[in-house]
Amino acid sequence: MDTAIDDDAAAFHEFFERHYAELARLAALLTGEADAADDLAADALVVLWRRWDRVRAADHPVAYARGVVANLARSQIRSAVRERRRVALFWSQRSERVEAPDVPAVLDLREALLRLPFGKRACVVLRHAFDLSEKDTAEALGISVGTVKSQTSRGVAELERLLAQPPAGAAPAPAGERARPGPAPGPDPARILGTPAPPRRARTRTGRGV
């Protein structure tokens, strides 16, 4: 009995060492919260340890783990949305009105990624940031290969549209002056996701970058 427990612990420790950084990066890209990615990945691994018999029996344990991270990320995002709605409702009932800050319309890739619905975002991240096949992405998210294809294609197209938007408040050309060429096409999101940029925020408490 003790030997079996020791074997499980050793196998889980090896899984942790090999895949923790990858799961934390996935969490960061799905939620947009690099500072909280380590915590979400740790929560996922707690779930995996509790289901370790099921994980070890799975055809693709890593795909199972990615699915757990995706589910936790989805739950976290829903909770954050509900909290923002409560805060917005509170402030809407106050008499004071504060002018909204001037937010640029040009978005970098990670900001644009967070504008996508979760399903499209998850497909784009797993296909292009993690270089998974359509089949592996479908298995991780519990959806069909056809859905992965359509969600990825639409997600990338939407990212390209968001990244190609001109800066907010750009002044039109004066009357009589020939209009200047429009903005150059935005960066290729698939290429950028395939080569992650250095983190914009401070490093996490474990020192891992995303």
N, C-alpha and C. Protein backbone atom coordinates (compact mmCIF):
# COMPACT_ATOMS: atom_id res chain seq x y z
N MET A 1 0.84 -1.21 0.00
CA MET A 1 0.00 0.00 0.00
C MET A 1 0.87 1.25 0.00
N ASP A 2 1.84 1.30 0.90
CA ASP A 2 2.73 2.46 0.97
C ASP A 2 3.52 2.61 -0.32
N THR A 3 3.91 1.47 -0.91
CA THR A 3 4.67 1.53 -2.15
C THR A 3 3.85 2.15 -3.27
N ALA A 4 2.56 1.79 -3.34
CA ALA A 4 1.69 2.36 -4.37
C ALA A 4 1.54 3.86 -4.18
N ILE A 5 1.40 4.30 -2.94
CA ILE A 5 1.28 5.74 -2.66
C ILE A 5 2.57 6.45 -3.04
N ASP A 6 3.70 5.85 -2.69
CA ASP A 6 4.99 6.45 -3.04
C ASP A 6 5.14 6.56 -4.55
N ASP A 7 4.71 5.51 -5.27
CA ASP A 7 4.80 5.54 -6.73
C ASP A 7 3.93 6.66 -7.32
N ASP A 8 2.71 6.81 -6.77
CA ASP A 8 1.82 7.88 -7.24
C ASP A 8 2.45 9.25 -6.98
N ALA A 9 3.01 9.42 -5.78
CA ALA A 9 3.61 10.70 -5.42
C ALA A 9 4.80 11.01 -6.34
N ALA A 10 5.61 10.00 -6.62
CA ALA A 10 6.77 10.21 -7.49
C ALA A 10 6.33 10.56 -8.91
N ALA A 11 5.30 9.87 -9.40
CA ALA A 11 4.81 10.15 -10.75
C ALA A 11 4.21 11.55 -10.83
N PHE A 12 3.47 11.93 -9.80
CA PHE A 12 2.87 13.27 -9.80
C PHE A 12 3.96 14.34 -9.72
N HIS A 13 4.97 14.10 -8.90
CA HIS A 13 6.07 15.07 -8.79
C HIS A 13 6.76 15.25 -10.13
N GLU A 14 6.97 14.17 -10.86
CA GLU A 14 7.60 14.26 -12.17
C GLU A 14 6.70 15.05 -13.14
N PHE A 15 5.40 14.78 -13.08
CA PHE A 15 4.45 15.50 -13.93
C PHE A 15 4.48 16.99 -13.61
N PHE A 16 4.52 17.30 -12.32
CA PHE A 16 4.57 18.70 -11.87
C PHE A 16 5.81 19.39 -12.43
N GLU A 17 6.96 18.77 -12.29
CA GLU A 17 8.21 19.40 -12.73
C GLU A 17 8.23 19.63 -14.24
N ARG A 18 7.62 18.70 -14.98
CA ARG A 18 7.67 18.79 -16.44
C ARG A 18 6.66 19.77 -17.02
N HIS A 19 5.51 19.93 -16.36
CA HIS A 19 4.41 20.64 -17.01
C HIS A 19 3.92 21.88 -16.27
N TYR A 20 4.43 22.16 -15.09
CA TYR A 20 3.90 23.29 -14.32
C TYR A 20 4.07 24.61 -15.07
N ALA A 21 5.26 24.87 -15.59
CA ALA A 21 5.51 26.14 -16.28
C ALA A 21 4.60 26.30 -17.49
N GLU A 22 4.38 25.21 -18.23
CA GLU A 22 3.50 25.26 -19.40
C GLU A 22 2.06 25.58 -18.98
N LEU A 23 1.60 24.95 -17.90
CA LEU A 23 0.23 25.18 -17.44
C LEU A 23 0.06 26.61 -16.93
N ALA A 24 1.09 27.13 -16.27
CA ALA A 24 1.03 28.52 -15.79
C ALA A 24 0.98 29.49 -16.97
N ARG A 25 1.74 29.23 -18.01
CA ARG A 25 1.70 30.10 -19.19
C ARG A 25 0.34 30.03 -19.86
N LEU A 26 -0.24 28.83 -19.95
CA LEU A 26 -1.57 28.70 -20.52
C LEU A 26 -2.58 29.50 -19.71
N ALA A 27 -2.50 29.41 -18.39
CA ALA A 27 -3.41 30.16 -17.52
C ALA A 27 -3.27 31.66 -17.74
N ALA A 28 -2.04 32.13 -17.91
CA ALA A 28 -1.81 33.56 -18.12
C ALA A 28 -2.41 34.04 -19.43
N LEU A 29 -2.26 33.26 -20.48
CA LEU A 29 -2.79 33.67 -21.77
C LEU A 29 -4.31 33.61 -21.81
N LEU A 30 -4.90 32.67 -21.08
CA LEU A 30 -6.36 32.55 -21.08
C LEU A 30 -7.03 33.61 -20.23
N THR A 31 -6.39 33.99 -19.13
CA THR A 31 -7.02 34.94 -18.22
C THR A 31 -6.51 36.36 -18.38
N GLY A 32 -5.31 36.52 -18.95
CA GLY A 32 -4.71 37.84 -19.05
C GLY A 32 -4.14 38.33 -17.74
N GLU A 33 -4.05 37.44 -16.75
CA GLU A 33 -3.56 37.83 -15.42
C GLU A 33 -2.26 37.07 -15.14
N ALA A 34 -1.14 37.65 -15.58
CA ALA A 34 0.14 36.97 -15.39
C ALA A 34 0.47 36.78 -13.92
N ASP A 35 0.09 37.76 -13.08
CA ASP A 35 0.42 37.66 -11.66
C ASP A 35 -0.32 36.53 -10.97
N ALA A 36 -1.51 36.17 -11.49
CA ALA A 36 -2.31 35.12 -10.85
C ALA A 36 -2.16 33.77 -11.53
N ALA A 37 -1.34 33.71 -12.59
CA ALA A 37 -1.23 32.47 -13.36
C ALA A 37 -0.66 31.32 -12.54
N ASP A 38 0.35 31.61 -11.71
CA ASP A 38 0.93 30.56 -10.88
C ASP A 38 -0.11 29.96 -9.95
N ASP A 39 -0.93 30.83 -9.36
CA ASP A 39 -1.95 30.34 -8.42
C ASP A 39 -2.97 29.46 -9.14
N LEU A 40 -3.39 29.88 -10.34
CA LEU A 40 -4.36 29.09 -11.06
C LEU A 40 -3.77 27.74 -11.48
N ALA A 41 -2.51 27.76 -11.92
CA ALA A 41 -1.86 26.50 -12.28
C ALA A 41 -1.72 25.59 -11.06
N ALA A 42 -1.41 26.19 -9.91
CA ALA A 42 -1.31 25.39 -8.68
C ALA A 42 -2.66 24.79 -8.31
N ASP A 43 -3.73 25.57 -8.45
CA ASP A 43 -5.07 25.05 -8.19
C ASP A 43 -5.40 23.89 -9.11
N ALA A 44 -4.99 24.02 -10.38
CA ALA A 44 -5.23 22.94 -11.34
C ALA A 44 -4.49 21.67 -10.93
N LEU A 45 -3.28 21.82 -10.45
CA LEU A 45 -2.51 20.65 -10.05
C LEU A 45 -3.07 20.00 -8.79
N VAL A 46 -3.68 20.79 -7.92
CA VAL A 46 -4.37 20.20 -6.76
C VAL A 46 -5.52 19.33 -7.26
N VAL A 47 -6.28 19.85 -8.24
CA VAL A 47 -7.37 19.07 -8.82
C VAL A 47 -6.83 17.79 -9.45
N LEU A 48 -5.72 17.91 -10.17
CA LEU A 48 -5.12 16.75 -10.83
C LEU A 48 -4.66 15.70 -9.82
N TRP A 49 -4.09 16.15 -8.70
CA TRP A 49 -3.65 15.20 -7.68
C TRP A 49 -4.84 14.44 -7.11
N ARG A 50 -5.95 15.15 -6.90
CA ARG A 50 -7.14 14.49 -6.37
C ARG A 50 -7.72 13.48 -7.35
N ARG A 51 -7.47 13.72 -8.63
CA ARG A 51 -7.97 12.81 -9.69
C ARG A 51 -6.84 12.02 -10.32
N TRP A 52 -5.76 11.81 -9.58
CA TRP A 52 -4.56 11.28 -10.19
C TRP A 52 -4.77 9.92 -10.86
N ASP A 53 -5.59 9.07 -10.27
CA ASP A 53 -5.87 7.78 -10.90
C ASP A 53 -6.47 7.98 -12.29
N ARG A 54 -7.39 8.95 -12.38
CA ARG A 54 -8.03 9.23 -13.67
C ARG A 54 -7.03 9.85 -14.65
N VAL A 55 -6.16 10.72 -14.12
CA VAL A 55 -5.16 11.38 -14.99
C VAL A 55 -4.20 10.35 -15.56
N ARG A 56 -3.69 9.47 -14.71
CA ARG A 56 -2.72 8.46 -15.17
C ARG A 56 -3.35 7.51 -16.17
N ALA A 57 -4.65 7.27 -16.04
CA ALA A 57 -5.33 6.35 -16.94
C ALA A 57 -5.73 6.99 -18.26
N ALA A 58 -5.64 8.32 -18.32
CA ALA A 58 -6.04 9.04 -19.54
C ALA A 58 -5.05 8.74 -20.67
N ASP A 59 -5.57 8.75 -21.90
CA ASP A 59 -4.70 8.53 -23.06
C ASP A 59 -3.65 9.64 -23.18
N HIS A 60 -4.05 10.86 -22.83
CA HIS A 60 -3.15 12.00 -22.93
C HIS A 60 -3.26 12.82 -21.64
N PRO A 61 -2.49 12.49 -20.61
CA PRO A 61 -2.59 13.19 -19.33
C PRO A 61 -2.39 14.70 -19.43
N VAL A 62 -1.48 15.14 -20.32
CA VAL A 62 -1.24 16.58 -20.45
C VAL A 62 -2.46 17.27 -21.02
N ALA A 63 -3.13 16.64 -21.98
CA ALA A 63 -4.36 17.22 -22.53
C ALA A 63 -5.42 17.32 -21.44
N TYR A 64 -5.49 16.31 -20.60
CA TYR A 64 -6.43 16.35 -19.47
C TYR A 64 -6.11 17.55 -18.57
N ALA A 65 -4.82 17.75 -18.29
CA ALA A 65 -4.40 18.86 -17.44
C ALA A 65 -4.74 20.21 -18.08
N ARG A 66 -4.52 20.34 -19.37
CA ARG A 66 -4.86 21.59 -20.05
C ARG A 66 -6.37 21.87 -19.96
N GLY A 67 -7.17 20.80 -20.06
CA GLY A 67 -8.60 20.97 -19.93
C GLY A 67 -9.00 21.47 -18.55
N VAL A 68 -8.32 20.98 -17.52
CA VAL A 68 -8.59 21.45 -16.15
C VAL A 68 -8.24 22.93 -16.03
N VAL A 69 -7.09 23.32 -16.57
CA VAL A 69 -6.69 24.73 -16.53
C VAL A 69 -7.72 25.59 -17.27
N ALA A 70 -8.16 25.14 -18.43
CA ALA A 70 -9.14 25.91 -19.20
C ALA A 70 -10.45 26.08 -18.43
N ASN A 71 -10.90 25.02 -17.77
CA ASN A 71 -12.14 25.10 -16.99
C ASN A 71 -12.00 26.06 -15.82
N LEU A 72 -10.86 25.99 -15.11
CA LEU A 72 -10.64 26.91 -13.99
C LEU A 72 -10.53 28.35 -14.48
N ALA A 73 -9.87 28.55 -15.62
CA ALA A 73 -9.75 29.90 -16.17
C ALA A 73 -11.12 30.45 -16.55
N ARG A 74 -11.95 29.61 -17.15
CA ARG A 74 -13.30 30.04 -17.52
C ARG A 74 -14.09 30.45 -16.28
N SER A 75 -13.99 29.65 -15.22
CA SER A 75 -14.71 29.97 -13.97
C SER A 75 -14.20 31.27 -13.37
N GLN A 76 -12.88 31.47 -13.41
CA GLN A 76 -12.30 32.70 -12.85
C GLN A 76 -12.76 33.92 -13.62
N ILE A 77 -12.82 33.80 -14.94
CA ILE A 77 -13.26 34.92 -15.76
C ILE A 77 -14.72 35.24 -15.47
N ARG A 78 -15.55 34.22 -15.35
CA ARG A 78 -16.97 34.46 -15.04
C ARG A 78 -17.12 35.15 -13.69
N SER A 79 -16.34 34.73 -12.71
CA SER A 79 -16.41 35.37 -11.40
C SER A 79 -15.98 36.83 -11.49
N ALA A 80 -14.92 37.09 -12.26
CA ALA A 80 -14.44 38.47 -12.41
C ALA A 80 -15.48 39.34 -13.11
N VAL A 81 -16.17 38.78 -14.11
CA VAL A 81 -17.20 39.53 -14.82
C VAL A 81 -18.35 39.88 -13.88
N ARG A 82 -18.76 38.90 -13.07
CA ARG A 82 -19.84 39.18 -12.12
C ARG A 82 -19.42 40.27 -11.14
N GLU A 83 -18.17 40.23 -10.68
CA GLU A 83 -17.70 41.25 -9.74
C GLU A 83 -17.67 42.62 -10.40
N ARG A 84 -17.21 42.70 -11.64
CA ARG A 84 -17.18 43.99 -12.33
C ARG A 84 -18.58 44.54 -12.51
N ARG A 85 -19.54 43.66 -12.78
CA ARG A 85 -20.93 44.12 -12.92
C ARG A 85 -21.46 44.69 -11.61
N ARG A 86 -21.12 44.04 -10.49
CA ARG A 86 -21.57 44.56 -9.20
C ARG A 86 -20.96 45.93 -8.92
N VAL A 87 -19.65 46.06 -9.24
CA VAL A 87 -18.99 47.35 -9.03
C VAL A 87 -19.61 48.42 -9.93
N ALA A 88 -19.85 48.06 -11.20
CA ALA A 88 -20.44 49.02 -12.14
C ALA A 88 -21.83 49.45 -11.67
N LEU A 89 -22.62 48.50 -11.16
CA LEU A 89 -23.95 48.84 -10.66
C LEU A 89 -23.85 49.79 -9.48
N PHE A 90 -22.88 49.55 -8.60
CA PHE A 90 -22.70 50.43 -7.44
C PHE A 90 -22.39 51.85 -7.88
N TRP A 91 -21.43 52.00 -8.79
CA TRP A 91 -21.01 53.34 -9.21
C TRP A 91 -22.08 54.03 -10.04
N SER A 92 -22.89 53.25 -10.77
CA SER A 92 -23.94 53.87 -11.58
C SER A 92 -25.01 54.51 -10.71
N GLN A 93 -25.11 54.09 -9.44
CA GLN A 93 -26.11 54.63 -8.54
C GLN A 93 -25.61 55.84 -7.75
N ARG A 94 -24.34 56.20 -7.92
CA ARG A 94 -23.78 57.36 -7.24
C ARG A 94 -24.06 58.60 -8.06
N SER A 95 -24.17 59.75 -7.37
CA SER A 95 -24.49 60.99 -8.06
C SER A 95 -23.29 61.55 -8.81
N GLU A 96 -22.09 61.32 -8.25
CA GLU A 96 -20.91 61.87 -8.90
C GLU A 96 -20.61 61.11 -10.17
N ARG A 97 -20.20 61.82 -11.19
CA ARG A 97 -19.83 61.19 -12.44
C ARG A 97 -18.38 61.54 -12.74
N VAL A 98 -17.61 60.53 -13.02
CA VAL A 98 -16.20 60.75 -13.34
C VAL A 98 -16.00 60.44 -14.81
N GLU A 99 -15.37 61.37 -15.50
CA GLU A 99 -15.16 61.17 -16.93
C GLU A 99 -14.23 59.97 -17.14
N ALA A 100 -14.62 59.13 -18.07
CA ALA A 100 -13.82 57.93 -18.35
C ALA A 100 -12.47 58.33 -18.90
N PRO A 101 -11.43 57.58 -18.57
CA PRO A 101 -10.10 57.90 -19.09
C PRO A 101 -10.04 57.68 -20.59
N ASP A 102 -9.11 58.35 -21.22
CA ASP A 102 -8.92 58.20 -22.65
C ASP A 102 -8.16 56.92 -22.91
N VAL A 103 -8.86 55.91 -23.39
CA VAL A 103 -8.23 54.60 -23.60
C VAL A 103 -7.89 54.45 -25.07
N PRO A 104 -6.64 54.19 -25.42
CA PRO A 104 -6.28 54.05 -26.84
C PRO A 104 -7.03 52.89 -27.48
N ALA A 105 -7.37 53.05 -28.74
CA ALA A 105 -8.08 51.99 -29.45
C ALA A 105 -7.13 50.94 -29.99
N VAL A 106 -5.85 51.34 -30.14
CA VAL A 106 -4.88 50.37 -30.63
C VAL A 106 -4.52 49.41 -29.50
N LEU A 107 -4.69 48.13 -29.74
CA LEU A 107 -4.47 47.13 -28.70
C LEU A 107 -3.26 46.30 -29.04
N ASP A 108 -2.47 45.94 -28.02
CA ASP A 108 -1.41 44.99 -28.30
C ASP A 108 -2.03 43.59 -28.32
N LEU A 109 -1.25 42.61 -28.64
CA LEU A 109 -1.80 41.28 -28.88
C LEU A 109 -2.52 40.72 -27.66
N ARG A 110 -1.93 40.85 -26.48
CA ARG A 110 -2.56 40.26 -25.30
C ARG A 110 -3.86 40.97 -24.95
N GLU A 111 -3.90 42.29 -25.14
CA GLU A 111 -5.13 43.01 -24.88
C GLU A 111 -6.20 42.60 -25.88
N ALA A 112 -5.79 42.44 -27.15
CA ALA A 112 -6.73 42.02 -28.18
C ALA A 112 -7.23 40.61 -27.88
N LEU A 113 -6.34 39.75 -27.42
CA LEU A 113 -6.71 38.37 -27.12
C LEU A 113 -7.82 38.32 -26.08
N LEU A 114 -7.75 39.22 -25.11
CA LEU A 114 -8.77 39.24 -24.05
C LEU A 114 -10.11 39.75 -24.55
N ARG A 115 -10.14 40.34 -25.75
CA ARG A 115 -11.41 40.80 -26.32
C ARG A 115 -12.16 39.64 -26.97
N LEU A 116 -11.48 38.54 -27.21
CA LEU A 116 -12.14 37.40 -27.85
C LEU A 116 -13.01 36.65 -26.86
N PRO A 117 -14.12 36.07 -27.31
CA PRO A 117 -14.86 35.15 -26.44
C PRO A 117 -13.95 34.01 -26.01
N PHE A 118 -14.23 33.43 -24.84
CA PHE A 118 -13.30 32.47 -24.27
C PHE A 118 -13.02 31.30 -25.21
N GLY A 119 -14.05 30.78 -25.88
CA GLY A 119 -13.84 29.63 -26.76
C GLY A 119 -12.85 29.91 -27.87
N LYS A 120 -13.00 31.07 -28.52
CA LYS A 120 -12.06 31.44 -29.59
C LYS A 120 -10.66 31.64 -29.01
N ARG A 121 -10.60 32.32 -27.87
CA ARG A 121 -9.30 32.59 -27.24
C ARG A 121 -8.58 31.29 -26.92
N ALA A 122 -9.29 30.34 -26.32
CA ALA A 122 -8.67 29.07 -25.94
C ALA A 122 -8.15 28.33 -27.17
N CYS A 123 -8.94 28.32 -28.24
CA CYS A 123 -8.50 27.63 -29.46
C CYS A 123 -7.26 28.30 -30.06
N VAL A 124 -7.27 29.62 -30.15
CA VAL A 124 -6.13 30.35 -30.71
C VAL A 124 -4.87 30.12 -29.88
N VAL A 125 -5.01 30.19 -28.56
CA VAL A 125 -3.85 30.02 -27.68
C VAL A 125 -3.28 28.61 -27.81
N LEU A 126 -4.13 27.59 -27.74
CA LEU A 126 -3.63 26.22 -27.79
C LEU A 126 -3.05 25.88 -29.18
N ARG A 127 -3.68 26.38 -30.24
CA ARG A 127 -3.19 26.06 -31.59
C ARG A 127 -1.89 26.80 -31.91
N HIS A 128 -1.81 28.10 -31.54
CA HIS A 128 -0.69 28.90 -32.00
C HIS A 128 0.37 29.18 -30.94
N ALA A 129 -0.03 29.36 -29.68
CA ALA A 129 0.97 29.58 -28.64
C ALA A 129 1.58 28.26 -28.17
N PHE A 130 0.77 27.19 -28.19
CA PHE A 130 1.26 25.90 -27.71
C PHE A 130 1.47 24.90 -28.84
N ASP A 131 1.16 25.31 -30.07
CA ASP A 131 1.43 24.52 -31.26
C ASP A 131 0.78 23.13 -31.19
N LEU A 132 -0.43 23.08 -30.62
CA LEU A 132 -1.14 21.80 -30.57
C LEU A 132 -1.85 21.56 -31.90
N SER A 133 -2.03 20.29 -32.21
CA SER A 133 -2.81 19.95 -33.40
C SER A 133 -4.28 20.24 -33.14
N GLU A 134 -5.07 20.24 -34.20
CA GLU A 134 -6.51 20.45 -34.03
C GLU A 134 -7.12 19.34 -33.17
N LYS A 135 -6.63 18.12 -33.35
CA LYS A 135 -7.14 16.99 -32.57
C LYS A 135 -6.81 17.16 -31.09
N ASP A 136 -5.57 17.53 -30.77
CA ASP A 136 -5.17 17.69 -29.37
C ASP A 136 -5.90 18.86 -28.72
N THR A 137 -6.12 19.92 -29.49
CA THR A 137 -6.86 21.07 -28.97
C THR A 137 -8.30 20.67 -28.66
N ALA A 138 -8.90 19.92 -29.57
CA ALA A 138 -10.27 19.45 -29.35
C ALA A 138 -10.36 18.58 -28.11
N GLU A 139 -9.36 17.72 -27.92
CA GLU A 139 -9.37 16.84 -26.75
C GLU A 139 -9.21 17.62 -25.46
N ALA A 140 -8.34 18.63 -25.46
CA ALA A 140 -8.11 19.43 -24.26
C ALA A 140 -9.36 20.22 -23.87
N LEU A 141 -10.09 20.71 -24.86
CA LEU A 141 -11.25 21.58 -24.58
C LEU A 141 -12.57 20.83 -24.57
N GLY A 142 -12.54 19.55 -24.96
CA GLY A 142 -13.78 18.77 -24.97
C GLY A 142 -14.75 19.21 -26.05
N ILE A 143 -14.22 19.58 -27.22
CA ILE A 143 -15.07 20.00 -28.34
C ILE A 143 -14.64 19.23 -29.58
N SER A 144 -15.37 19.41 -30.68
CA SER A 144 -15.05 18.69 -31.91
C SER A 144 -13.91 19.37 -32.67
N VAL A 145 -13.28 18.60 -33.56
CA VAL A 145 -12.21 19.15 -34.40
C VAL A 145 -12.77 20.25 -35.29
N GLY A 146 -13.99 20.05 -35.79
CA GLY A 146 -14.61 21.07 -36.63
C GLY A 146 -14.80 22.39 -35.90
N THR A 147 -15.18 22.29 -34.62
CA THR A 147 -15.34 23.51 -33.82
C THR A 147 -14.00 24.19 -33.61
N VAL A 148 -12.95 23.40 -33.38
CA VAL A 148 -11.61 23.98 -33.23
C VAL A 148 -11.22 24.74 -34.49
N LYS A 149 -11.47 24.15 -35.65
CA LYS A 149 -11.11 24.80 -36.92
C LYS A 149 -11.82 26.14 -37.06
N SER A 150 -13.14 26.12 -36.86
CA SER A 150 -13.91 27.35 -37.07
C SER A 150 -13.58 28.41 -36.02
N GLN A 151 -13.45 28.00 -34.75
CA GLN A 151 -13.16 28.96 -33.70
C GLN A 151 -11.77 29.56 -33.87
N THR A 152 -10.81 28.75 -34.27
CA THR A 152 -9.45 29.26 -34.48
C THR A 152 -9.41 30.24 -35.64
N SER A 153 -10.04 29.86 -36.75
CA SER A 153 -10.04 30.73 -37.93
C SER A 153 -10.71 32.07 -37.63
N ARG A 154 -11.86 32.02 -36.97
CA ARG A 154 -12.56 33.25 -36.65
C ARG A 154 -11.79 34.07 -35.61
N GLY A 155 -11.18 33.38 -34.65
CA GLY A 155 -10.41 34.08 -33.62
C GLY A 155 -9.22 34.82 -34.20
N VAL A 156 -8.48 34.17 -35.08
CA VAL A 156 -7.31 34.82 -35.70
C VAL A 156 -7.76 36.01 -36.56
N ALA A 157 -8.86 35.81 -37.31
CA ALA A 157 -9.36 36.92 -38.13
C ALA A 157 -9.78 38.11 -37.27
N GLU A 158 -10.39 37.83 -36.13
CA GLU A 158 -10.81 38.92 -35.24
C GLU A 158 -9.60 39.62 -34.62
N LEU A 159 -8.57 38.85 -34.27
CA LEU A 159 -7.34 39.45 -33.74
C LEU A 159 -6.71 40.37 -34.78
N GLU A 160 -6.65 39.90 -36.02
CA GLU A 160 -6.06 40.72 -37.08
C GLU A 160 -6.83 42.02 -37.24
N ARG A 161 -8.16 41.95 -37.15
CA ARG A 161 -8.98 43.16 -37.27
C ARG A 161 -8.70 44.12 -36.11
N LEU A 162 -8.62 43.58 -34.90
CA LEU A 162 -8.38 44.43 -33.73
C LEU A 162 -6.99 45.08 -33.78
N LEU A 163 -6.00 44.30 -34.20
CA LEU A 163 -4.63 44.83 -34.23
C LEU A 163 -4.42 45.83 -35.36
N ALA A 164 -5.29 45.80 -36.37
CA ALA A 164 -5.13 46.72 -37.51
C ALA A 164 -5.89 48.01 -37.31
N GLN A 165 -6.62 48.16 -36.20
CA GLN A 165 -7.38 49.38 -35.97
C GLN A 165 -6.44 50.57 -35.82
N PRO A 166 -6.79 51.75 -36.39
CA PRO A 166 -5.96 52.95 -36.24
C PRO A 166 -6.09 53.50 -34.83
N PRO A 167 -5.14 54.33 -34.39
CA PRO A 167 -5.22 54.92 -33.06
C PRO A 167 -6.50 55.71 -32.87
N ALA A 168 -7.00 55.68 -31.64
CA ALA A 168 -8.21 56.44 -31.32
C ALA A 168 -7.94 57.93 -31.44
N GLY A 169 -8.91 58.67 -31.96
CA GLY A 169 -8.79 60.12 -32.02
C GLY A 169 -7.92 60.62 -33.15
N ALA A 170 -7.55 59.74 -34.09
CA ALA A 170 -6.73 60.19 -35.21
C ALA A 170 -7.51 61.21 -36.02
N ALA A 171 -6.91 62.36 -36.29
CA ALA A 171 -7.60 63.44 -36.98
C ALA A 171 -7.71 63.13 -38.47
N PRO A 172 -8.87 63.46 -39.08
CA PRO A 172 -9.00 63.25 -40.53
C PRO A 172 -8.11 64.23 -41.29
N ALA A 173 -7.80 63.90 -42.52
CA ALA A 173 -6.96 64.77 -43.35
C ALA A 173 -7.70 66.07 -43.62
N PRO A 174 -7.01 67.25 -43.59
CA PRO A 174 -7.65 68.53 -43.86
C PRO A 174 -8.27 68.55 -45.25
N ALA A 175 -9.32 69.37 -45.41
CA ALA A 175 -9.99 69.46 -46.70
C ALA A 175 -9.00 69.89 -47.78
N GLY A 176 -9.09 69.26 -48.93
CA GLY A 176 -8.21 69.61 -50.03
C GLY A 176 -6.89 68.89 -50.00
N GLU A 177 -6.55 68.26 -48.88
CA GLU A 177 -5.27 67.53 -48.80
C GLU A 177 -5.52 66.07 -49.12
N ARG A 178 -4.67 65.53 -49.95
CA ARG A 178 -4.85 64.15 -50.35
C ARG A 178 -4.74 63.24 -49.14
N ALA A 179 -5.67 62.33 -49.01
CA ALA A 179 -5.66 61.41 -47.87
C ALA A 179 -4.42 60.55 -47.92
N ARG A 180 -3.84 60.34 -46.76
CA ARG A 180 -2.67 59.48 -46.67
C ARG A 180 -3.09 58.01 -46.68
N PRO A 181 -2.20 57.14 -47.09
CA PRO A 181 -2.56 55.72 -47.09
C PRO A 181 -3.00 55.27 -45.72
N GLY A 182 -3.90 54.30 -45.68
CA GLY A 182 -4.40 53.77 -44.42
C GLY A 182 -3.31 53.05 -43.67
N PRO A 183 -3.61 52.61 -42.45
CA PRO A 183 -2.61 51.94 -41.63
C PRO A 183 -2.15 50.64 -42.27
N ALA A 184 -0.90 50.34 -42.07
CA ALA A 184 -0.37 49.08 -42.58
C ALA A 184 -1.05 47.93 -41.87
N PRO A 185 -1.12 46.76 -42.54
CA PRO A 185 -1.73 45.61 -41.89
C PRO A 185 -1.11 45.36 -40.53
N GLY A 186 -1.93 44.93 -39.59
CA GLY A 186 -1.43 44.67 -38.24
C GLY A 186 -0.51 43.46 -38.21
N PRO A 187 0.18 43.27 -37.11
CA PRO A 187 1.09 42.12 -36.99
C PRO A 187 0.33 40.81 -37.05
N ASP A 188 1.03 39.78 -37.45
CA ASP A 188 0.42 38.45 -37.55
C ASP A 188 0.28 37.86 -36.16
N PRO A 189 -0.95 37.70 -35.64
CA PRO A 189 -1.11 37.21 -34.27
C PRO A 189 -0.61 35.79 -34.09
N ALA A 190 -0.77 34.95 -35.13
CA ALA A 190 -0.31 33.58 -35.00
C ALA A 190 1.19 33.52 -34.81
N ARG A 191 1.92 34.40 -35.55
CA ARG A 191 3.39 34.40 -35.42
C ARG A 191 3.81 34.91 -34.05
N ILE A 192 3.15 35.96 -33.57
CA ILE A 192 3.52 36.52 -32.27
C ILE A 192 3.24 35.52 -31.16
N LEU A 193 2.09 34.85 -31.24
CA LEU A 193 1.75 33.87 -30.21
C LEU A 193 2.74 32.72 -30.21
N GLY A 194 3.25 32.37 -31.39
CA GLY A 194 4.20 31.27 -31.46
C GLY A 194 5.53 31.59 -30.82
N THR A 195 5.84 32.89 -30.69
CA THR A 195 7.08 33.33 -30.04
C THR A 195 6.71 34.34 -28.98
N PRO A 196 6.39 33.89 -27.76
CA PRO A 196 5.88 34.81 -26.73
C PRO A 196 6.86 35.92 -26.42
N ALA A 197 6.33 37.14 -26.28
CA ALA A 197 7.17 38.28 -25.91
C ALA A 197 7.46 38.24 -24.43
N PRO A 198 8.49 38.98 -23.98
CA PRO A 198 8.77 39.05 -22.54
C PRO A 198 7.57 39.60 -21.80
N PRO A 199 7.35 39.19 -20.55
CA PRO A 199 6.18 39.66 -19.80
C PRO A 199 6.20 41.16 -19.60
N ARG A 200 5.01 41.79 -19.70
CA ARG A 200 4.88 43.23 -19.52
C ARG A 200 4.86 43.59 -18.05
N ARG A 201 4.41 42.66 -17.19
CA ARG A 201 4.29 42.95 -15.78
C ARG A 201 5.51 42.43 -15.02
N ALA A 202 5.51 42.70 -13.72
CA ALA A 202 6.58 42.17 -12.89
C ALA A 202 6.51 40.66 -12.88
N ARG A 203 7.63 40.02 -12.68
CA ARG A 203 7.66 38.57 -12.64
C ARG A 203 6.86 38.06 -11.47
N THR A 204 6.37 36.84 -11.63
CA THR A 204 5.55 36.25 -10.59
C THR A 204 6.42 35.85 -9.40
N ARG A 205 5.79 35.49 -8.30
CA ARG A 205 6.53 35.22 -7.08
C ARG A 205 7.44 34.00 -7.20
N THR A 206 7.17 33.13 -8.18
CA THR A 206 8.05 31.98 -8.37
C THR A 206 9.18 32.27 -9.33
N GLY A 207 9.13 33.47 -9.95
CA GLY A 207 10.20 33.83 -10.87
C GLY A 207 10.00 33.36 -12.27
N ARG A 208 8.84 32.72 -12.56
CA ARG A 208 8.62 32.22 -13.92
C ARG A 208 8.00 33.31 -14.75
N GLY A 209 8.52 33.51 -15.97
CA GLY A 209 7.92 34.46 -16.88
C GLY A 209 6.86 33.77 -17.69
N VAL A 210 6.01 34.55 -18.33
CA VAL A 210 4.95 33.98 -19.15
C VAL A 210 5.11 34.49 -20.57
